[in-house]
Amino acid sequence: MNASSGLANLAIEQVLELSAEAHIERRMTALDSPAFHRLTGTIVAYGKMLTLLVALQEREEFYAMIAQLDLPASVTGLAH
């Protein structure tokens, strides 16, 4: 595992923790209150961030697998 992959994992873990805390806080908040709606928006934003981080992580893993094949740049489109 390389350094940036480790950072992605840490970021994903942190966003998951923050999202879980927001879910817990929202459950203790009155329905249809401004706080409830703010927390709902926060949870949605965390979900979007997780989607982005996981996509970036998968892309990095894909490129790492391609790099291990040691194919010529004319095949991969990547410069070595």
N, C-alpha and C. Protein backbone atom coordinates (compact mmCIF):
# COMPACT_ATOMS: atom_id res chain seq x y z
N MET A 1 0.86 -1.18 0.00
CA MET A 1 0.00 0.00 0.00
C MET A 1 0.90 1.23 0.00
N ASN A 2 0.61 2.18 -0.88
CA ASN A 2 1.44 3.38 -0.92
C ASN A 2 0.88 4.46 -0.01
N ALA A 3 1.62 5.55 0.11
CA ALA A 3 1.26 6.61 1.07
C ALA A 3 -0.07 7.26 0.75
N SER A 4 -0.33 7.55 -0.52
CA SER A 4 -1.59 8.23 -0.85
C SER A 4 -2.79 7.32 -0.64
N SER A 5 -2.61 6.03 -0.84
CA SER A 5 -3.68 5.08 -0.57
C SER A 5 -3.97 5.04 0.92
N GLY A 6 -2.92 5.10 1.73
CA GLY A 6 -3.10 5.15 3.18
C GLY A 6 -3.83 6.40 3.61
N LEU A 7 -3.52 7.52 2.97
CA LEU A 7 -4.21 8.77 3.28
C LEU A 7 -5.68 8.69 2.89
N ALA A 8 -5.96 8.06 1.75
CA ALA A 8 -7.35 7.90 1.33
C ALA A 8 -8.11 7.07 2.35
N ASN A 9 -7.49 6.00 2.83
CA ASN A 9 -8.14 5.17 3.84
C ASN A 9 -8.42 5.95 5.11
N LEU A 10 -7.46 6.77 5.53
CA LEU A 10 -7.66 7.59 6.73
C LEU A 10 -8.79 8.59 6.53
N ALA A 11 -8.83 9.20 5.35
CA ALA A 11 -9.90 10.17 5.06
C ALA A 11 -11.26 9.49 5.05
N ILE A 12 -11.33 8.31 4.46
CA ILE A 12 -12.59 7.56 4.42
C ILE A 12 -13.03 7.21 5.84
N GLU A 13 -12.10 6.73 6.66
CA GLU A 13 -12.44 6.39 8.05
C GLU A 13 -12.94 7.62 8.81
N GLN A 14 -12.29 8.75 8.61
CA GLN A 14 -12.69 9.98 9.31
C GLN A 14 -14.08 10.42 8.89
N VAL A 15 -14.36 10.38 7.59
CA VAL A 15 -15.69 10.78 7.10
C VAL A 15 -16.75 9.82 7.62
N LEU A 16 -16.44 8.54 7.68
CA LEU A 16 -17.39 7.57 8.23
C LEU A 16 -17.69 7.86 9.70
N GLU A 17 -16.66 8.20 10.45
CA GLU A 17 -16.87 8.53 11.88
C GLU A 17 -17.72 9.78 12.03
N LEU A 18 -17.42 10.81 11.24
CA LEU A 18 -18.20 12.04 11.30
C LEU A 18 -19.65 11.80 10.90
N SER A 19 -19.85 10.99 9.88
CA SER A 19 -21.20 10.67 9.43
C SER A 19 -21.97 9.92 10.51
N ALA A 20 -21.31 8.96 11.16
CA ALA A 20 -21.97 8.20 12.23
C ALA A 20 -22.37 9.13 13.37
N GLU A 21 -21.48 10.06 13.73
CA GLU A 21 -21.80 11.02 14.78
C GLU A 21 -22.99 11.89 14.39
N ALA A 22 -23.04 12.32 13.13
CA ALA A 22 -24.16 13.14 12.66
C ALA A 22 -25.46 12.35 12.69
N HIS A 23 -25.40 11.06 12.33
CA HIS A 23 -26.60 10.20 12.39
C HIS A 23 -27.11 10.09 13.82
N ILE A 24 -26.20 9.88 14.74
CA ILE A 24 -26.59 9.76 16.16
C ILE A 24 -27.20 11.06 16.65
N GLU A 25 -26.55 12.17 16.33
CA GLU A 25 -27.07 13.47 16.77
C GLU A 25 -28.45 13.75 16.16
N ARG A 26 -28.62 13.38 14.89
CA ARG A 26 -29.91 13.63 14.23
C ARG A 26 -31.02 12.81 14.88
N ARG A 27 -30.71 11.60 15.32
CA ARG A 27 -31.73 10.77 15.98
C ARG A 27 -32.20 11.37 17.30
N MET A 28 -31.36 12.20 17.89
CA MET A 28 -31.72 12.83 19.16
C MET A 28 -32.32 14.22 18.95
N THR A 29 -32.57 14.59 17.70
CA THR A 29 -33.06 15.93 17.37
C THR A 29 -34.52 15.84 16.94
N ALA A 30 -35.29 16.86 17.27
CA ALA A 30 -36.71 16.89 16.91
C ALA A 30 -36.87 16.90 15.39
N LEU A 31 -37.81 16.05 14.93
CA LEU A 31 -38.10 16.00 13.50
C LEU A 31 -38.56 17.36 13.00
N ASP A 32 -38.17 17.68 11.79
CA ASP A 32 -38.58 18.90 11.10
C ASP A 32 -38.07 20.18 11.76
N SER A 33 -37.10 20.06 12.65
CA SER A 33 -36.48 21.24 13.25
C SER A 33 -35.34 21.71 12.33
N PRO A 34 -34.92 22.94 12.48
CA PRO A 34 -33.78 23.41 11.67
C PRO A 34 -32.52 22.55 11.89
N ALA A 35 -32.30 22.11 13.12
CA ALA A 35 -31.13 21.27 13.40
C ALA A 35 -31.23 19.93 12.67
N PHE A 36 -32.43 19.36 12.64
CA PHE A 36 -32.65 18.09 11.95
C PHE A 36 -32.31 18.24 10.46
N HIS A 37 -32.80 19.32 9.85
CA HIS A 37 -32.55 19.53 8.42
C HIS A 37 -31.07 19.84 8.15
N ARG A 38 -30.43 20.58 9.06
CA ARG A 38 -29.00 20.85 8.92
C ARG A 38 -28.21 19.56 8.98
N LEU A 39 -28.55 18.69 9.93
CA LEU A 39 -27.85 17.42 10.05
C LEU A 39 -28.11 16.52 8.86
N THR A 40 -29.33 16.57 8.33
CA THR A 40 -29.64 15.79 7.12
C THR A 40 -28.74 16.23 5.97
N GLY A 41 -28.60 17.54 5.80
CA GLY A 41 -27.72 18.06 4.76
C GLY A 41 -26.27 17.66 4.99
N THR A 42 -25.86 17.68 6.23
CA THR A 42 -24.50 17.28 6.58
C THR A 42 -24.26 15.82 6.23
N ILE A 43 -25.22 14.97 6.54
CA ILE A 43 -25.10 13.54 6.26
C ILE A 43 -25.05 13.30 4.75
N VAL A 44 -25.86 14.02 4.01
CA VAL A 44 -25.83 13.90 2.55
C VAL A 44 -24.45 14.31 2.02
N ALA A 45 -23.90 15.39 2.55
CA ALA A 45 -22.57 15.85 2.12
C ALA A 45 -21.50 14.81 2.44
N TYR A 46 -21.59 14.18 3.61
CA TYR A 46 -20.64 13.12 3.95
C TYR A 46 -20.77 11.96 2.96
N GLY A 47 -21.98 11.62 2.59
CA GLY A 47 -22.19 10.55 1.62
C GLY A 47 -21.56 10.87 0.28
N LYS A 48 -21.69 12.11 -0.16
CA LYS A 48 -21.08 12.52 -1.43
C LYS A 48 -19.56 12.48 -1.33
N MET A 49 -19.03 12.90 -0.20
CA MET A 49 -17.58 12.87 -0.01
C MET A 49 -17.07 11.43 -0.02
N LEU A 50 -17.79 10.53 0.62
CA LEU A 50 -17.39 9.12 0.61
C LEU A 50 -17.39 8.56 -0.80
N THR A 51 -18.40 8.90 -1.57
CA THR A 51 -18.48 8.45 -2.96
C THR A 51 -17.25 8.91 -3.74
N LEU A 52 -16.88 10.16 -3.56
CA LEU A 52 -15.72 10.72 -4.25
C LEU A 52 -14.43 10.04 -3.79
N LEU A 53 -14.24 9.91 -2.48
CA LEU A 53 -13.02 9.31 -1.96
C LEU A 53 -12.86 7.85 -2.40
N VAL A 54 -13.94 7.09 -2.38
CA VAL A 54 -13.88 5.69 -2.80
C VAL A 54 -13.57 5.60 -4.29
N ALA A 55 -14.18 6.47 -5.10
CA ALA A 55 -13.90 6.47 -6.54
C ALA A 55 -12.42 6.79 -6.80
N LEU A 56 -11.89 7.77 -6.09
CA LEU A 56 -10.47 8.12 -6.25
C LEU A 56 -9.57 6.97 -5.82
N GLN A 57 -9.94 6.32 -4.73
CA GLN A 57 -9.16 5.18 -4.24
C GLN A 57 -9.19 4.04 -5.25
N GLU A 58 -10.36 3.75 -5.81
CA GLU A 58 -10.47 2.67 -6.80
C GLU A 58 -9.67 3.00 -8.05
N ARG A 59 -9.70 4.27 -8.46
CA ARG A 59 -8.93 4.69 -9.64
C ARG A 59 -7.44 4.51 -9.39
N GLU A 60 -6.98 4.91 -8.21
CA GLU A 60 -5.58 4.75 -7.86
C GLU A 60 -5.18 3.28 -7.84
N GLU A 61 -6.02 2.43 -7.27
CA GLU A 61 -5.73 0.99 -7.24
C GLU A 61 -5.67 0.42 -8.65
N PHE A 62 -6.56 0.88 -9.54
CA PHE A 62 -6.57 0.42 -10.92
C PHE A 62 -5.25 0.79 -11.60
N TYR A 63 -4.83 2.05 -11.45
CA TYR A 63 -3.59 2.48 -12.07
C TYR A 63 -2.39 1.74 -11.48
N ALA A 64 -2.44 1.42 -10.20
CA ALA A 64 -1.35 0.67 -9.58
C ALA A 64 -1.28 -0.74 -10.16
N MET A 65 -2.42 -1.36 -10.41
CA MET A 65 -2.42 -2.69 -11.03
C MET A 65 -1.87 -2.64 -12.44
N ILE A 66 -2.26 -1.61 -13.20
CA ILE A 66 -1.76 -1.46 -14.56
C ILE A 66 -0.24 -1.26 -14.54
N ALA A 67 0.23 -0.44 -13.61
CA ALA A 67 1.67 -0.18 -13.51
C ALA A 67 2.44 -1.46 -13.20
N GLN A 68 1.86 -2.36 -12.41
CA GLN A 68 2.54 -3.62 -12.07
C GLN A 68 2.70 -4.52 -13.28
N LEU A 69 1.85 -4.36 -14.27
CA LEU A 69 1.95 -5.18 -15.48
C LEU A 69 3.15 -4.77 -16.33
N ASP A 70 3.66 -3.57 -16.09
CA ASP A 70 4.82 -3.04 -16.82
C ASP A 70 4.59 -3.07 -18.33
N LEU A 71 3.40 -2.66 -18.74
CA LEU A 71 3.07 -2.57 -20.16
C LEU A 71 3.68 -1.31 -20.75
N PRO A 72 3.92 -1.30 -22.05
CA PRO A 72 4.46 -0.09 -22.68
C PRO A 72 3.45 1.05 -22.62
N ALA A 73 3.95 2.28 -22.57
CA ALA A 73 3.10 3.46 -22.47
C ALA A 73 2.14 3.55 -23.65
N SER A 74 2.52 3.00 -24.79
CA SER A 74 1.64 3.05 -25.97
C SER A 74 0.36 2.24 -25.73
N VAL A 75 0.41 1.27 -24.83
CA VAL A 75 -0.75 0.44 -24.51
C VAL A 75 -1.58 1.09 -23.40
N THR A 76 -0.91 1.59 -22.37
CA THR A 76 -1.61 2.12 -21.20
C THR A 76 -1.98 3.58 -21.33
N GLY A 77 -1.24 4.31 -22.15
CA GLY A 77 -1.46 5.74 -22.24
C GLY A 77 -0.84 6.49 -21.08
N LEU A 78 -0.09 5.77 -20.25
CA LEU A 78 0.57 6.38 -19.09
C LEU A 78 2.07 6.42 -19.32
N ALA A 79 2.69 7.50 -18.90
CA ALA A 79 4.14 7.58 -18.99
C ALA A 79 4.74 6.92 -17.77
N HIS A 80 5.78 6.12 -17.97
CA HIS A 80 6.45 5.46 -16.83
C HIS A 80 7.45 6.36 -16.22
